[in-house]
């Protein structure tokens, strides 16, 4: 059984993931910078997920320390957002690994 992996679909998912973690609307492929390559897009997505997780960690620490400016709902939303963005990144990584393995197993 062969699955068709569409690189544009994967890139769109990565853009949506990055935009969701930043709270903005994703841009279409036509809006992307002309010099943007796959590696920089991937790095940007990973950095965005990392930033989301660090922010959630800081809010959690502040809440645990009893900071009066941090409430539980903010902490829970940040933790859920970090978890979802990490899960999305993991799914994209799994799809990329599967696509790579499929390409490597193709016979010339």
N, C-alpha and C. Protein backbone atom coordinates (compact mmCIF):
# COMPACT_ATOMS: atom_id res chain seq x y z
N UNK A 1 0.84 -1.18 0.00
CA UNK A 1 0.00 0.00 0.00
C UNK A 1 0.89 1.24 0.00
N UNK A 2 0.65 2.15 -0.89
CA UNK A 2 1.46 3.34 -1.04
C UNK A 2 0.63 4.57 -0.67
N UNK A 3 1.25 5.47 0.07
CA UNK A 3 0.54 6.70 0.41
C UNK A 3 1.20 7.86 -0.33
N UNK A 4 0.39 8.76 -0.81
CA UNK A 4 0.90 9.93 -1.51
C UNK A 4 1.10 11.04 -0.49
N UNK A 5 2.31 11.51 -0.39
CA UNK A 5 2.64 12.60 0.52
C UNK A 5 2.77 13.86 -0.31
N UNK A 6 1.97 14.84 0.00
CA UNK A 6 2.00 16.11 -0.71
C UNK A 6 2.81 17.09 0.13
N UNK A 7 3.96 17.52 -0.38
CA UNK A 7 4.85 18.42 0.35
C UNK A 7 4.14 19.73 0.66
N UNK A 8 3.35 20.23 -0.28
CA UNK A 8 2.63 21.48 -0.04
C UNK A 8 1.65 21.35 1.11
N UNK A 9 1.02 20.18 1.24
CA UNK A 9 0.10 19.96 2.34
C UNK A 9 0.85 19.95 3.67
N UNK A 10 2.02 19.32 3.69
CA UNK A 10 2.82 19.29 4.91
C UNK A 10 3.28 20.70 5.28
N UNK A 11 3.72 21.46 4.29
CA UNK A 11 4.13 22.85 4.55
C UNK A 11 2.97 23.68 5.06
N UNK A 12 1.79 23.46 4.50
CA UNK A 12 0.60 24.20 4.96
C UNK A 12 0.28 23.84 6.41
N UNK A 13 0.44 22.57 6.76
CA UNK A 13 0.20 22.16 8.14
C UNK A 13 1.21 22.81 9.08
N UNK A 14 2.47 22.88 8.64
CA UNK A 14 3.50 23.49 9.47
C UNK A 14 3.23 24.99 9.66
N UNK A 15 2.80 25.64 8.57
CA UNK A 15 2.48 27.07 8.68
C UNK A 15 1.29 27.28 9.62
N UNK A 16 0.29 26.41 9.51
CA UNK A 16 -0.88 26.53 10.38
C UNK A 16 -0.48 26.30 11.83
N UNK A 17 0.42 25.35 12.06
CA UNK A 17 0.88 25.06 13.42
C UNK A 17 1.63 26.27 13.98
N UNK A 18 2.51 26.85 13.19
CA UNK A 18 3.26 28.02 13.64
C UNK A 18 2.33 29.20 13.90
N UNK A 19 1.37 29.40 13.01
CA UNK A 19 0.43 30.51 13.17
C UNK A 19 -0.45 30.30 14.39
N UNK A 20 -0.88 29.05 14.61
CA UNK A 20 -1.73 28.77 15.76
C UNK A 20 -0.99 29.01 17.07
N UNK A 21 0.29 28.68 17.10
CA UNK A 21 1.04 28.88 18.34
C UNK A 21 1.31 30.36 18.60
N UNK A 22 1.27 31.16 17.53
CA UNK A 22 1.48 32.60 17.69
C UNK A 22 0.17 33.37 17.75
N UNK A 23 -0.94 32.68 17.55
CA UNK A 23 -2.25 33.31 17.62
C UNK A 23 -2.58 34.15 16.40
N UNK A 24 -1.99 33.82 15.24
CA UNK A 24 -2.26 34.56 14.01
C UNK A 24 -2.87 33.63 12.99
N UNK A 25 -3.30 34.19 11.86
CA UNK A 25 -3.86 33.41 10.77
C UNK A 25 -2.72 32.90 9.89
N UNK A 26 -2.76 31.64 9.45
CA UNK A 26 -1.70 31.13 8.57
C UNK A 26 -1.76 31.79 7.20
N UNK A 27 -0.59 31.94 6.60
CA UNK A 27 -0.54 32.52 5.26
C UNK A 27 -0.56 31.40 4.24
N UNK A 28 -1.00 31.72 3.04
CA UNK A 28 -1.02 30.71 1.98
C UNK A 28 0.38 30.57 1.41
N UNK A 29 0.60 29.54 0.63
CA UNK A 29 1.91 29.30 0.04
C UNK A 29 2.33 30.43 -0.88
N UNK A 30 1.37 31.13 -1.50
CA UNK A 30 1.69 32.22 -2.41
C UNK A 30 2.26 33.42 -1.66
N UNK A 31 1.95 33.54 -0.37
CA UNK A 31 2.43 34.66 0.42
C UNK A 31 3.82 34.43 0.99
N UNK A 32 4.34 33.21 0.89
CA UNK A 32 5.63 32.88 1.49
C UNK A 32 6.74 33.68 0.81
N UNK A 33 7.78 33.96 1.57
CA UNK A 33 8.91 34.69 1.04
C UNK A 33 9.58 33.86 -0.06
N UNK A 34 10.04 34.51 -1.13
CA UNK A 34 10.61 33.76 -2.25
C UNK A 34 11.84 32.95 -1.85
N UNK A 35 12.63 33.45 -0.90
CA UNK A 35 13.85 32.76 -0.51
C UNK A 35 13.66 31.76 0.60
N UNK A 36 12.44 31.59 1.07
CA UNK A 36 12.20 30.68 2.19
C UNK A 36 12.36 29.24 1.72
N UNK A 37 13.26 28.52 2.37
CA UNK A 37 13.44 27.12 2.00
C UNK A 37 12.86 26.23 3.09
N UNK A 38 12.83 24.95 2.82
CA UNK A 38 12.19 24.01 3.72
C UNK A 38 12.87 23.98 5.09
N UNK A 39 14.19 24.01 5.09
CA UNK A 39 14.93 23.92 6.36
C UNK A 39 14.62 25.12 7.26
N UNK A 40 14.56 26.31 6.69
CA UNK A 40 14.26 27.48 7.52
C UNK A 40 12.82 27.45 8.02
N UNK A 41 11.92 26.95 7.20
CA UNK A 41 10.52 26.83 7.62
C UNK A 41 10.39 25.82 8.76
N UNK A 42 11.10 24.71 8.63
CA UNK A 42 11.08 23.69 9.68
C UNK A 42 11.68 24.24 10.97
N UNK A 43 12.80 24.95 10.86
CA UNK A 43 13.43 25.53 12.05
C UNK A 43 12.51 26.55 12.71
N UNK A 44 11.85 27.35 11.91
CA UNK A 44 10.92 28.35 12.44
C UNK A 44 9.78 27.66 13.20
N UNK A 45 9.27 26.57 12.66
CA UNK A 45 8.19 25.85 13.32
C UNK A 45 8.64 25.24 14.64
N UNK A 46 9.82 24.64 14.64
CA UNK A 46 10.36 24.05 15.87
C UNK A 46 10.62 25.14 16.91
N UNK A 47 11.17 26.26 16.49
CA UNK A 47 11.40 27.37 17.42
C UNK A 47 10.10 27.89 18.00
N UNK A 48 9.07 27.95 17.18
CA UNK A 48 7.77 28.42 17.65
C UNK A 48 7.19 27.48 18.71
N UNK A 49 7.30 26.18 18.46
CA UNK A 49 6.82 25.20 19.44
C UNK A 49 7.62 25.31 20.72
N UNK A 50 8.94 25.47 20.59
CA UNK A 50 9.80 25.61 21.77
C UNK A 50 9.42 26.84 22.58
N UNK A 51 9.17 27.94 21.90
CA UNK A 51 8.78 29.18 22.59
C UNK A 51 7.46 29.00 23.33
N UNK A 52 6.52 28.33 22.70
CA UNK A 52 5.22 28.07 23.33
C UNK A 52 5.39 27.22 24.59
N UNK A 53 6.26 26.22 24.52
CA UNK A 53 6.49 25.36 25.68
C UNK A 53 7.21 26.10 26.79
N UNK A 54 8.16 26.95 26.44
CA UNK A 54 8.86 27.73 27.46
C UNK A 54 7.91 28.71 28.15
N UNK A 55 7.03 29.33 27.39
CA UNK A 55 6.06 30.25 27.97
C UNK A 55 5.13 29.51 28.93
N UNK A 56 4.69 28.32 28.55
CA UNK A 56 3.84 27.52 29.43
C UNK A 56 4.59 27.15 30.70
N UNK A 57 5.85 26.81 30.58
CA UNK A 57 6.67 26.48 31.74
C UNK A 57 6.82 27.66 32.69
N UNK A 58 7.04 28.83 32.13
CA UNK A 58 7.18 30.04 32.96
C UNK A 58 5.87 30.36 33.70
N UNK A 59 4.75 30.23 32.99
CA UNK A 59 3.45 30.48 33.64
C UNK A 59 3.19 29.46 34.74
N UNK A 60 3.54 28.21 34.47
CA UNK A 60 3.35 27.16 35.48
C UNK A 60 4.19 27.45 36.71
N UNK A 61 5.45 27.81 36.50
CA UNK A 61 6.34 28.13 37.63
C UNK A 61 5.80 29.32 38.43
N UNK A 62 5.34 30.34 37.71
CA UNK A 62 4.80 31.52 38.39
C UNK A 62 3.58 31.15 39.23
N UNK A 63 2.72 30.31 38.69
CA UNK A 63 1.52 29.91 39.43
C UNK A 63 1.89 29.10 40.67
N UNK A 64 2.83 28.17 40.50
CA UNK A 64 3.25 27.33 41.62
C UNK A 64 3.89 28.18 42.72
N UNK A 65 4.60 29.22 42.34
CA UNK A 65 5.25 30.10 43.32
C UNK A 65 4.27 31.06 43.97
N UNK A 66 3.03 31.09 43.49
CA UNK A 66 2.01 31.92 44.10
C UNK A 66 1.93 33.33 43.57
N UNK A 67 2.38 33.56 42.36
CA UNK A 67 2.31 34.89 41.75
C UNK A 67 0.84 35.31 41.64
N UNK A 68 0.47 36.44 42.24
CA UNK A 68 -0.94 36.87 42.22
C UNK A 68 -1.42 37.32 40.84
N UNK A 69 -0.51 37.60 39.91
CA UNK A 69 -0.88 38.04 38.57
C UNK A 69 -1.11 36.88 37.61
N UNK A 70 -0.92 35.64 38.08
CA UNK A 70 -1.10 34.46 37.23
C UNK A 70 -2.27 33.65 37.76
N UNK A 71 -3.25 33.42 36.90
CA UNK A 71 -4.38 32.60 37.35
C UNK A 71 -4.35 31.23 36.69
N UNK A 72 -5.08 30.32 37.27
CA UNK A 72 -5.06 28.93 36.83
C UNK A 72 -5.52 28.76 35.39
N UNK A 73 -6.52 29.53 34.97
CA UNK A 73 -7.02 29.37 33.60
C UNK A 73 -5.95 29.74 32.57
N UNK A 74 -5.17 30.79 32.82
CA UNK A 74 -4.08 31.16 31.92
C UNK A 74 -3.05 30.03 31.82
N UNK A 75 -2.74 29.45 32.96
CA UNK A 75 -1.76 28.37 32.99
C UNK A 75 -2.27 27.17 32.21
N UNK A 76 -3.51 26.79 32.44
CA UNK A 76 -4.06 25.62 31.76
C UNK A 76 -4.14 25.82 30.25
N UNK A 77 -4.53 27.00 29.81
CA UNK A 77 -4.60 27.28 28.37
C UNK A 77 -3.21 27.22 27.76
N UNK A 78 -2.22 27.80 28.44
CA UNK A 78 -0.85 27.79 27.92
C UNK A 78 -0.30 26.37 27.84
N UNK A 79 -0.58 25.56 28.85
CA UNK A 79 -0.10 24.17 28.85
C UNK A 79 -0.78 23.37 27.73
N UNK A 80 -2.07 23.57 27.55
CA UNK A 80 -2.78 22.86 26.47
C UNK A 80 -2.28 23.31 25.10
N UNK A 81 -2.04 24.60 24.94
CA UNK A 81 -1.54 25.13 23.68
C UNK A 81 -0.16 24.54 23.37
N UNK A 82 0.69 24.46 24.39
CA UNK A 82 2.02 23.88 24.21
C UNK A 82 1.93 22.40 23.84
N UNK A 83 1.04 21.69 24.50
CA UNK A 83 0.86 20.27 24.21
C UNK A 83 0.36 20.02 22.80
N UNK A 84 -0.60 20.81 22.38
CA UNK A 84 -1.16 20.67 21.03
C UNK A 84 -0.13 21.02 19.96
N UNK A 85 0.63 22.08 20.19
CA UNK A 85 1.62 22.45 19.18
C UNK A 85 2.72 21.40 19.09
N UNK A 86 3.10 20.81 20.23
CA UNK A 86 4.10 19.75 20.20
C UNK A 86 3.56 18.51 19.49
N UNK A 87 2.32 18.17 19.76
CA UNK A 87 1.70 17.01 19.11
C UNK A 87 1.62 17.23 17.59
N UNK A 88 1.26 18.43 17.17
CA UNK A 88 1.19 18.73 15.74
C UNK A 88 2.57 18.62 15.10
N UNK A 89 3.59 19.13 15.78
CA UNK A 89 4.95 19.05 15.26
C UNK A 89 5.39 17.59 15.16
N UNK A 90 5.03 16.79 16.14
CA UNK A 90 5.39 15.37 16.13
C UNK A 90 4.72 14.66 14.96
N UNK A 91 3.46 14.98 14.70
CA UNK A 91 2.76 14.37 13.57
C UNK A 91 3.39 14.76 12.24
N UNK A 92 3.79 16.01 12.11
CA UNK A 92 4.46 16.46 10.88
C UNK A 92 5.79 15.72 10.73
N UNK A 93 6.52 15.60 11.81
CA UNK A 93 7.79 14.88 11.77
C UNK A 93 7.57 13.42 11.34
N UNK A 94 6.55 12.79 11.90
CA UNK A 94 6.26 11.40 11.53
C UNK A 94 5.93 11.27 10.04
N UNK A 95 5.17 12.23 9.51
CA UNK A 95 4.84 12.21 8.08
C UNK A 95 6.09 12.41 7.23
N UNK A 96 6.97 13.30 7.66
CA UNK A 96 8.20 13.54 6.92
C UNK A 96 9.11 12.32 6.93
N UNK A 97 9.23 11.66 8.07
CA UNK A 97 10.04 10.45 8.16
C UNK A 97 9.46 9.36 7.28
N UNK A 98 8.14 9.21 7.30
CA UNK A 98 7.49 8.20 6.46
C UNK A 98 7.71 8.51 4.98
N UNK A 99 7.61 9.77 4.60
CA UNK A 99 7.84 10.16 3.21
C UNK A 99 9.29 9.89 2.82
N UNK A 100 10.21 10.21 3.69
CA UNK A 100 11.62 9.97 3.42
C UNK A 100 11.88 8.48 3.24
N UNK A 101 11.32 7.67 4.13
CA UNK A 101 11.51 6.22 4.03
C UNK A 101 10.90 5.68 2.74
N UNK A 102 9.76 6.21 2.35
CA UNK A 102 9.13 5.77 1.11
C UNK A 102 9.98 6.12 -0.09
N UNK A 103 10.54 7.31 -0.10
CA UNK A 103 11.41 7.72 -1.21
C UNK A 103 12.66 6.85 -1.24
N UNK A 104 13.23 6.57 -0.09
CA UNK A 104 14.45 5.75 -0.04
C UNK A 104 14.19 4.30 -0.46
N UNK A 105 12.96 3.81 -0.29
CA UNK A 105 12.63 2.45 -0.67
C UNK A 105 12.19 2.30 -2.13
N UNK A 106 12.04 3.42 -2.82
CA UNK A 106 11.65 3.36 -4.23
C UNK A 106 12.77 2.76 -5.06
N UNK A 107 12.39 1.96 -6.03
CA UNK A 107 13.38 1.39 -6.93
C UNK A 107 13.51 2.30 -8.15
N UNK A 108 14.74 2.46 -8.60
CA UNK A 108 15.00 3.36 -9.74
C UNK A 108 14.54 2.77 -11.05
